[in-house]
N, C-alpha and C. Protein backbone atom coordinates (compact mmCIF):
# COMPACT_ATOMS: atom_id res chain seq x y z
N UNK A 1 -55.96 -32.95 -20.28
CA UNK A 1 -54.62 -33.24 -20.04
C UNK A 1 -53.71 -32.78 -20.90
N UNK A 2 -54.23 -33.31 -22.19
CA UNK A 2 -52.99 -33.42 -23.34
C UNK A 2 -52.83 -31.90 -23.40
N UNK A 3 -53.44 -30.87 -23.47
CA UNK A 3 -53.08 -29.41 -23.34
C UNK A 3 -52.08 -29.39 -22.18
N UNK A 4 -52.42 -29.99 -21.28
CA UNK A 4 -51.03 -29.82 -19.82
C UNK A 4 -49.36 -30.28 -20.55
N UNK A 5 -50.00 -31.42 -21.15
CA UNK A 5 -48.56 -32.23 -21.51
C UNK A 5 -47.81 -31.43 -22.52
N UNK A 6 -48.87 -30.94 -23.30
CA UNK A 6 -48.45 -29.91 -24.88
C UNK A 6 -47.35 -28.38 -24.30
N UNK A 7 -48.13 -27.68 -23.33
CA UNK A 7 -47.84 -26.94 -22.19
C UNK A 7 -46.67 -27.08 -21.59
N UNK A 8 -46.35 -28.18 -21.25
CA UNK A 8 -45.23 -28.32 -20.36
C UNK A 8 -43.93 -28.64 -20.93
N UNK A 9 -44.37 -29.54 -22.02
CA UNK A 9 -43.08 -29.53 -23.15
C UNK A 9 -42.77 -28.30 -23.84
N UNK A 10 -43.71 -27.72 -24.07
CA UNK A 10 -43.23 -26.26 -24.76
C UNK A 10 -42.76 -25.20 -23.77
N UNK A 11 -42.91 -25.36 -22.48
CA UNK A 11 -41.99 -24.48 -21.86
C UNK A 11 -40.97 -24.87 -21.46
N UNK A 12 -40.62 -26.57 -21.66
CA UNK A 12 -39.38 -26.85 -21.26
C UNK A 12 -38.31 -26.73 -22.71
N UNK A 13 -38.91 -26.28 -23.49
CA UNK A 13 -38.17 -26.18 -25.14
C UNK A 13 -38.02 -24.54 -25.17
N UNK A 14 -38.74 -23.89 -24.63
CA UNK A 14 -38.16 -22.63 -24.81
C UNK A 14 -37.32 -22.15 -23.61
N UNK A 15 -37.36 -22.88 -22.32
CA UNK A 15 -36.50 -22.50 -21.16
C UNK A 15 -35.20 -23.09 -21.56
N UNK A 16 -35.03 -24.45 -21.95
CA UNK A 16 -33.78 -25.00 -22.15
C UNK A 16 -32.79 -23.76 -22.78
N UNK A 17 -32.97 -23.45 -24.36
CA UNK A 17 -31.90 -22.48 -25.06
C UNK A 17 -31.94 -21.16 -24.00
N UNK A 18 -32.72 -20.80 -23.37
CA UNK A 18 -32.42 -19.61 -22.56
C UNK A 18 -31.41 -19.75 -21.37
N UNK A 19 -31.37 -21.26 -20.46
CA UNK A 19 -30.67 -21.59 -19.41
C UNK A 19 -28.93 -21.55 -20.58
N UNK A 20 -28.98 -22.36 -21.45
CA UNK A 20 -28.08 -22.77 -22.13
C UNK A 20 -27.01 -21.36 -22.74
N UNK A 21 -28.09 -20.52 -22.80
CA UNK A 21 -27.41 -19.23 -22.97
C UNK A 21 -26.61 -18.60 -22.24
N UNK A 22 -26.92 -18.68 -20.84
CA UNK A 22 -27.02 -18.12 -20.08
C UNK A 22 -25.37 -18.73 -19.51
N UNK A 23 -25.55 -19.96 -19.35
CA UNK A 23 -24.09 -20.10 -19.36
C UNK A 23 -23.37 -20.05 -20.02
N UNK A 24 -23.33 -20.21 -21.49
CA UNK A 24 -22.17 -20.06 -22.24
C UNK A 24 -22.29 -18.50 -22.49
N UNK A 25 -22.81 -17.46 -21.81
CA UNK A 25 -22.55 -16.10 -21.47
C UNK A 25 -21.76 -16.23 -20.41
N UNK A 26 -21.49 -16.83 -19.24
CA UNK A 26 -21.30 -16.49 -17.92
C UNK A 26 -20.06 -16.91 -18.23
N UNK A 27 -19.51 -18.37 -19.21
CA UNK A 27 -18.09 -19.03 -18.90
C UNK A 27 -17.75 -18.41 -19.99
N UNK A 28 -18.41 -17.37 -21.40
CA UNK A 28 -17.84 -16.30 -22.29
C UNK A 28 -16.94 -14.77 -21.71
N UNK A 29 -17.81 -14.58 -20.57
CA UNK A 29 -17.80 -13.40 -19.86
C UNK A 29 -16.41 -13.86 -19.16
N UNK A 30 -16.70 -14.71 -18.51
CA UNK A 30 -15.41 -15.16 -17.45
C UNK A 30 -13.90 -15.48 -18.19
N UNK A 31 -13.82 -15.86 -19.30
CA UNK A 31 -12.81 -15.81 -19.86
C UNK A 31 -12.34 -14.72 -20.45
N UNK A 32 -12.99 -13.63 -20.84
CA UNK A 32 -12.73 -12.56 -21.87
C UNK A 32 -12.54 -11.27 -20.61
N UNK A 33 -13.33 -11.46 -19.71
CA UNK A 33 -13.44 -10.08 -18.92
C UNK A 33 -13.36 -10.59 -17.53
N UNK A 34 -13.00 -11.91 -17.12
CA UNK A 34 -13.14 -12.23 -15.29
C UNK A 34 -14.22 -12.01 -14.70
N UNK A 35 -14.42 -13.07 -13.55
CA UNK A 35 -15.39 -13.31 -12.63
C UNK A 35 -16.13 -12.27 -12.34
N UNK A 36 -15.52 -11.02 -11.93
CA UNK A 36 -15.73 -9.86 -11.56
C UNK A 36 -16.71 -9.51 -12.65
N UNK A 37 -16.72 -9.24 -13.98
CA UNK A 37 -17.24 -8.82 -14.63
C UNK A 37 -18.58 -10.56 -14.91
N UNK A 38 -18.26 -11.15 -15.03
CA UNK A 38 -19.11 -12.20 -15.20
C UNK A 38 -20.41 -12.29 -14.36
N UNK A 39 -20.06 -12.49 -12.85
CA UNK A 39 -21.39 -12.70 -11.89
C UNK A 39 -22.20 -11.27 -12.00
N UNK A 40 -21.94 -10.14 -12.13
CA UNK A 40 -22.70 -9.08 -12.17
C UNK A 40 -23.93 -9.05 -13.54
N UNK A 41 -23.17 -9.49 -14.71
CA UNK A 41 -23.96 -10.08 -15.66
C UNK A 41 -25.03 -10.89 -15.50
N UNK A 42 -24.72 -12.45 -14.59
CA UNK A 42 -25.31 -13.33 -14.63
C UNK A 42 -26.56 -12.95 -13.24
N UNK A 43 -26.11 -12.10 -11.98
CA UNK A 43 -27.46 -11.63 -11.35
C UNK A 43 -28.39 -10.78 -12.14
N UNK A 44 -27.54 -9.92 -13.11
CA UNK A 44 -28.79 -8.94 -13.80
C UNK A 44 -29.58 -9.91 -14.76
N UNK A 45 -29.19 -10.96 -15.23
CA UNK A 45 -30.60 -12.05 -15.89
C UNK A 45 -31.02 -12.57 -15.51
N UNK A 46 -30.95 -12.33 -13.63
CA UNK A 46 -32.20 -12.87 -12.69
C UNK A 46 -31.70 -14.49 -12.56
N UNK A 47 -30.41 -15.03 -12.70
CA UNK A 47 -29.64 -16.31 -12.08
C UNK A 47 -29.04 -15.68 -10.65
N UNK A 48 -29.44 -16.93 -9.73
CA UNK A 48 -29.73 -16.81 -8.52
C UNK A 48 -28.21 -17.03 -8.19
N UNK A 49 -27.41 -16.73 -6.61
CA UNK A 49 -26.35 -17.05 -6.37
C UNK A 49 -26.37 -18.85 -6.29
N UNK A 50 -26.82 -19.45 -6.16
CA UNK A 50 -26.92 -20.81 -6.23
C UNK A 50 -26.66 -21.53 -7.69
N UNK A 51 -27.35 -20.83 -8.24
CA UNK A 51 -26.87 -21.58 -9.56
C UNK A 51 -25.82 -20.54 -10.31
N UNK A 52 -25.44 -19.60 -10.26
CA UNK A 52 -24.18 -18.94 -10.37
C UNK A 52 -22.84 -19.75 -10.08
N UNK A 53 -23.00 -20.24 -8.45
CA UNK A 53 -21.64 -21.02 -7.91
C UNK A 53 -21.74 -22.19 -8.31
N UNK A 54 -22.87 -22.86 -8.73
CA UNK A 54 -23.40 -24.31 -9.52
C UNK A 54 -22.46 -24.25 -10.66
N UNK A 55 -22.62 -23.20 -11.54
CA UNK A 55 -22.00 -23.29 -12.88
C UNK A 55 -20.10 -22.59 -12.60
N UNK A 56 -20.26 -21.53 -11.87
CA UNK A 56 -18.87 -20.92 -11.52
C UNK A 56 -17.86 -22.72 -10.99
N UNK A 57 -18.59 -23.20 -10.32
CA UNK A 57 -17.34 -24.44 -10.09
C UNK A 57 -16.96 -25.00 -11.37
N UNK A 58 -17.68 -25.25 -12.07
CA UNK A 58 -17.47 -26.01 -13.46
C UNK A 58 -16.44 -25.23 -13.92
N UNK A 59 -16.28 -24.09 -14.13
CA UNK A 59 -15.23 -22.89 -14.77
C UNK A 59 -13.71 -23.89 -14.53
N UNK A 60 -12.98 -23.95 -15.44
CA UNK A 60 -11.73 -24.36 -14.98
C UNK A 60 -10.72 -23.46 -14.64
N UNK A 61 -10.04 -23.38 -13.76
CA UNK A 61 -9.19 -22.48 -13.16
C UNK A 61 -9.65 -21.50 -12.49
N UNK A 62 -11.22 -21.32 -12.14
CA UNK A 62 -11.56 -20.70 -10.80
C UNK A 62 -11.18 -20.70 -9.67
N UNK A 63 -10.90 -19.90 -8.94
CA UNK A 63 -11.47 -19.96 -7.65
C UNK A 63 -12.22 -20.28 -6.68
N UNK A 64 -12.87 -21.07 -5.97
CA UNK A 64 -14.18 -20.75 -5.34
C UNK A 64 -13.89 -19.52 -4.64
N UNK A 65 -13.31 -18.76 -3.82
CA UNK A 65 -13.17 -18.11 -2.94
C UNK A 65 -13.50 -16.24 -4.13
N UNK A 66 -12.60 -16.38 -5.28
CA UNK A 66 -12.92 -15.24 -5.82
C UNK A 66 -14.16 -15.19 -6.59
N UNK A 67 -14.73 -16.14 -6.63
CA UNK A 67 -16.88 -16.38 -6.84
C UNK A 67 -16.98 -15.83 -6.03
N UNK A 68 -17.06 -16.25 -4.82
CA UNK A 68 -17.80 -16.28 -3.48
C UNK A 68 -17.44 -14.37 -3.39
N UNK A 69 -16.20 -14.07 -3.62
CA UNK A 69 -16.12 -12.70 -3.41
C UNK A 69 -16.35 -11.81 -4.53
N UNK A 70 -16.69 -12.35 -5.79
CA UNK A 70 -17.55 -11.39 -6.90
C UNK A 70 -19.45 -11.25 -6.76
N UNK A 71 -19.16 -12.36 -6.08
CA UNK A 71 -20.79 -12.16 -5.60
C UNK A 71 -21.37 -11.28 -4.16
N UNK A 72 -20.54 -11.41 -3.41
CA UNK A 72 -20.57 -10.46 -2.13
C UNK A 72 -20.45 -8.97 -3.27
N UNK A 73 -19.35 -8.80 -3.74
CA UNK A 73 -18.78 -7.33 -4.50
C UNK A 73 -20.32 -6.83 -5.47
N UNK A 74 -21.07 -8.12 -6.01
CA UNK A 74 -22.15 -7.81 -6.97
C UNK A 74 -23.36 -7.25 -6.17
N UNK A 75 -23.66 -7.72 -4.97
CA UNK A 75 -24.79 -6.98 -3.87
C UNK A 75 -25.32 -8.32 -3.47
N UNK A 76 -25.36 -9.37 -4.06
CA UNK A 76 -26.00 -10.63 -3.69
C UNK A 76 -26.02 -10.57 -2.12
N UNK A 77 -27.26 -11.46 -1.62
CA UNK A 77 -27.54 -11.13 -0.37
C UNK A 77 -26.58 -12.51 0.02
N UNK A 78 -26.47 -12.18 1.53
CA UNK A 78 -24.75 -12.82 2.34
C UNK A 78 -25.60 -13.93 2.55
N UNK A 79 -27.06 -14.60 2.92
CA UNK A 79 -27.76 -15.57 3.06
C UNK A 79 -27.54 -16.64 2.32
N UNK A 80 -28.24 -15.89 0.76
CA UNK A 80 -28.19 -16.81 -0.09
C UNK A 80 -26.48 -17.11 -0.92
N UNK A 81 -25.72 -16.16 -0.62
CA UNK A 81 -24.32 -16.79 -1.15
C UNK A 81 -24.03 -17.88 0.29
N UNK A 82 -24.33 -17.95 1.55
CA UNK A 82 -23.87 -18.92 2.63
C UNK A 82 -24.85 -20.24 1.65
N UNK A 83 -26.04 -19.92 1.61
CA UNK A 83 -26.59 -21.77 1.44
C UNK A 83 -26.26 -22.23 0.31
N UNK A 84 -25.90 -20.98 -1.11
CA UNK A 84 -25.28 -21.49 -2.41
C UNK A 84 -23.90 -22.58 -2.23
N UNK A 85 -22.96 -22.24 -1.12
CA UNK A 85 -21.61 -22.28 -0.50
C UNK A 85 -21.92 -23.85 -0.26
N UNK A 86 -22.96 -23.52 0.95
CA UNK A 86 -23.19 -25.00 1.40
C UNK A 86 -23.62 -26.07 0.98
N UNK A 87 -24.65 -25.88 0.01
CA UNK A 87 -25.04 -26.79 -1.17
C UNK A 87 -24.19 -27.17 -2.06
N UNK A 88 -22.79 -26.75 -2.28
CA UNK A 88 -22.19 -26.86 -3.16
C UNK A 88 -20.70 -27.12 -2.72
N UNK A 89 -20.81 -27.59 -1.37
CA UNK A 89 -19.81 -28.39 -0.63
C UNK A 89 -18.75 -27.09 -0.30
N UNK A 90 -18.66 -25.80 -0.36
CA UNK A 90 -17.63 -24.70 -0.38
C UNK A 90 -17.44 -24.56 1.14
N UNK A 91 -16.41 -24.80 1.88
CA UNK A 91 -16.38 -24.70 3.47
C UNK A 91 -16.55 -23.40 3.85
N UNK A 92 -17.10 -23.38 5.46
CA UNK A 92 -16.94 -22.12 5.94
C UNK A 92 -16.11 -21.06 6.01
N UNK A 93 -14.56 -21.96 5.72
CA UNK A 93 -13.13 -20.61 5.94
C UNK A 93 -13.49 -20.36 4.72
N UNK A 94 -13.63 -20.64 3.42
CA UNK A 94 -13.63 -19.66 2.54
C UNK A 94 -14.68 -18.86 1.83
N UNK A 95 -16.00 -19.16 3.02
CA UNK A 95 -16.98 -18.17 2.58
C UNK A 95 -16.19 -16.97 3.56
N UNK A 96 -15.84 -17.29 4.77
CA UNK A 96 -15.39 -15.88 5.43
C UNK A 96 -14.31 -15.04 4.90
N UNK A 97 -13.34 -16.05 4.32
CA UNK A 97 -12.49 -15.29 3.46
C UNK A 97 -12.45 -14.80 2.26
N UNK A 98 -13.57 -15.25 1.57
CA UNK A 98 -14.44 -14.30 0.35
C UNK A 98 -15.05 -13.08 1.12
N UNK A 99 -15.88 -13.28 2.21
CA UNK A 99 -16.53 -11.94 2.64
C UNK A 99 -15.49 -10.69 2.75
N UNK A 100 -14.70 -10.96 3.73
CA UNK A 100 -13.21 -10.70 4.07
C UNK A 100 -12.87 -9.76 2.98
N UNK A 101 -12.31 -10.50 1.76
CA UNK A 101 -11.78 -9.73 0.93
C UNK A 101 -12.68 -9.02 -0.04
N UNK A 102 -13.67 -9.40 -0.30
CA UNK A 102 -14.78 -8.60 -0.47
C UNK A 102 -14.93 -7.28 -0.23
N UNK A 103 -14.97 -7.03 1.57
CA UNK A 103 -14.62 -5.56 1.88
C UNK A 103 -13.74 -4.85 1.72
N UNK A 104 -12.75 -5.90 2.06
CA UNK A 104 -11.14 -4.93 1.26
C UNK A 104 -10.95 -4.60 -0.25
N UNK A 105 -11.67 -4.75 -1.09
CA UNK A 105 -11.23 -4.93 -2.29
C UNK A 105 -12.66 -4.00 -2.55
N UNK A 106 -13.60 -4.43 -2.45
CA UNK A 106 -15.18 -3.50 -3.02
C UNK A 106 -15.35 -2.58 -2.23
N UNK A 107 -14.91 -2.08 -0.61
CA UNK A 107 -15.36 -1.29 0.37
C UNK A 107 -16.58 -1.56 1.40
N UNK A 108 -16.97 -0.81 2.32
CA UNK A 108 -17.30 -0.67 3.67
C UNK A 108 -18.85 -1.16 2.71
N UNK A 109 -18.93 -0.60 1.83
CA UNK A 109 -20.31 -0.98 1.61
C UNK A 109 -21.19 -2.60 1.31
N UNK A 110 -20.19 -3.08 1.23
CA UNK A 110 -20.04 -4.77 1.00
C UNK A 110 -20.45 -4.85 2.52
N UNK A 111 -20.01 -4.80 3.40
CA UNK A 111 -20.44 -4.84 5.09
C UNK A 111 -22.32 -4.18 5.08
N UNK A 112 -21.89 -3.00 4.92
CA UNK A 112 -23.14 -2.76 5.17
C UNK A 112 -24.44 -3.00 4.38
N UNK A 113 -24.15 -3.53 3.23
CA UNK A 113 -25.50 -4.05 2.26
C UNK A 113 -25.89 -5.27 3.03
N UNK A 114 -24.83 -6.81 3.83
CA UNK A 114 -25.28 -7.74 3.97
C UNK A 114 -26.21 -8.36 5.01
N UNK A 115 -27.22 -9.22 5.04
CA UNK A 115 -27.64 -9.34 6.26
C UNK A 115 -27.08 -10.68 6.53
N UNK A 116 -26.18 -11.38 6.15
CA UNK A 116 -25.31 -12.10 7.00
C UNK A 116 -23.91 -11.91 6.54
N UNK A 117 -23.35 -11.69 7.93
CA UNK A 117 -21.73 -11.53 7.82
C UNK A 117 -21.15 -12.58 8.46
N UNK A 118 -20.40 -13.34 7.77
CA UNK A 118 -19.43 -14.56 8.48
C UNK A 118 -18.88 -14.30 9.60
N UNK A 119 -18.67 -15.03 10.27
CA UNK A 119 -18.45 -15.09 11.55
C UNK A 119 -16.68 -15.98 11.54
N UNK A 120 -15.52 -15.85 12.05
CA UNK A 120 -14.51 -16.43 11.54
C UNK A 120 -14.67 -17.78 12.26
N UNK A 121 -14.39 -18.60 12.20
CA UNK A 121 -14.28 -20.28 12.90
C UNK A 121 -13.05 -20.42 13.69
N UNK A 122 -13.47 -19.92 15.02
CA UNK A 122 -12.35 -20.66 15.81
C UNK A 122 -12.65 -21.30 17.12
N UNK A 123 -11.70 -22.16 17.66
CA UNK A 123 -11.90 -22.98 18.83
C UNK A 123 -11.63 -21.91 20.28
N UNK A 124 -12.77 -21.17 21.27
CA UNK A 124 -12.68 -20.58 21.63
C UNK A 124 -12.32 -21.52 23.48
N UNK A 125 -12.08 -22.66 23.42
CA UNK A 125 -11.91 -23.40 24.57
C UNK A 125 -12.67 -23.26 25.69
N UNK A 126 -12.07 -23.02 26.92
CA UNK A 126 -13.02 -22.63 27.99
C UNK A 126 -13.17 -21.87 28.28
N UNK A 127 -14.03 -20.93 28.68
CA UNK A 127 -14.15 -19.52 29.17
C UNK A 127 -13.17 -18.92 30.12
N UNK A 128 -12.97 -17.94 29.65
CA UNK A 128 -11.45 -17.31 30.58
C UNK A 128 -12.22 -16.63 32.06
N UNK A 129 -11.27 -17.25 33.17
CA UNK A 129 -11.71 -16.78 34.72
C UNK A 129 -11.14 -15.10 34.46
N UNK A 130 -10.29 -14.79 34.08
CA UNK A 130 -9.61 -13.47 34.15
C UNK A 130 -8.38 -13.75 34.49
N UNK A 131 -7.53 -12.54 34.98
CA UNK A 131 -6.26 -12.77 35.09
C UNK A 131 -6.05 -13.02 36.51
N UNK A 132 -6.87 -13.43 37.12
CA UNK A 132 -6.46 -13.35 38.84
C UNK A 132 -6.24 -12.54 39.39
N UNK A 133 -6.93 -10.78 38.66
CA UNK A 133 -6.87 -9.90 39.53
C UNK A 133 -7.98 -9.06 39.95
N UNK A 134 -9.16 -9.68 39.62
CA UNK A 134 -10.64 -9.17 39.31
C UNK A 134 -10.48 -9.23 41.10
N UNK A 135 -11.05 -7.57 41.39
CA UNK A 135 -11.09 -7.66 43.33
C UNK A 135 -12.69 -7.39 43.07
N UNK A 136 -13.44 -7.34 41.58
CA UNK A 136 -15.02 -6.78 41.92
C UNK A 136 -15.84 -7.30 43.20
N UNK A 137 -15.40 -8.67 43.51
CA UNK A 137 -16.11 -9.49 44.25
C UNK A 137 -15.61 -9.76 45.87
N UNK A 138 -14.11 -9.80 45.89
CA UNK A 138 -13.42 -9.74 47.14
C UNK A 138 -14.14 -9.00 48.21
N UNK A 139 -14.05 -9.94 49.56
CA UNK A 139 -14.33 -8.97 50.66
C UNK A 139 -13.48 -7.93 50.92
N UNK A 140 -12.60 -7.71 50.36
CA UNK A 140 -11.81 -6.04 50.49
C UNK A 140 -12.35 -4.94 50.17
N UNK A 141 -13.46 -5.32 49.42
CA UNK A 141 -14.14 -4.24 48.44
C UNK A 141 -15.48 -3.58 49.57
N UNK A 142 -15.96 -4.50 50.33
CA UNK A 142 -16.79 -4.17 51.06
C UNK A 142 -16.56 -3.64 52.44
N UNK A 143 -17.07 -2.33 52.45
CA UNK A 143 -16.83 -1.34 53.64
C UNK A 143 -18.23 -1.58 54.92
């Protein structure tokens, strides 16, 4: 039992500096090179979109839409981005806007590589009955 406790504590002490280094590198990279560089570096270091969004929202002056756009442009999975946004209180409207912006700025490769493509939110109301000129079922077409 004592070995288990010691092993667990040792793991925490080893992992904590690595986690702190990642956050510091992410912040420094954002300040010096921008979010478009900071996000891919964080993904290369094995950070999840959830942890990137969580830490990114703490950065002063960073627009959440630009953070999500950087994740899309870096090739992060769309479902992971959506889940990270939900978990961190980012609205679907911002997710959709970030996705659209990423397609415009990063090319069609973003749209093709995503498992999740956000759908614009809109109120559709009642289904349309057409313009009233629909003759497909009228008796005048029967012979």
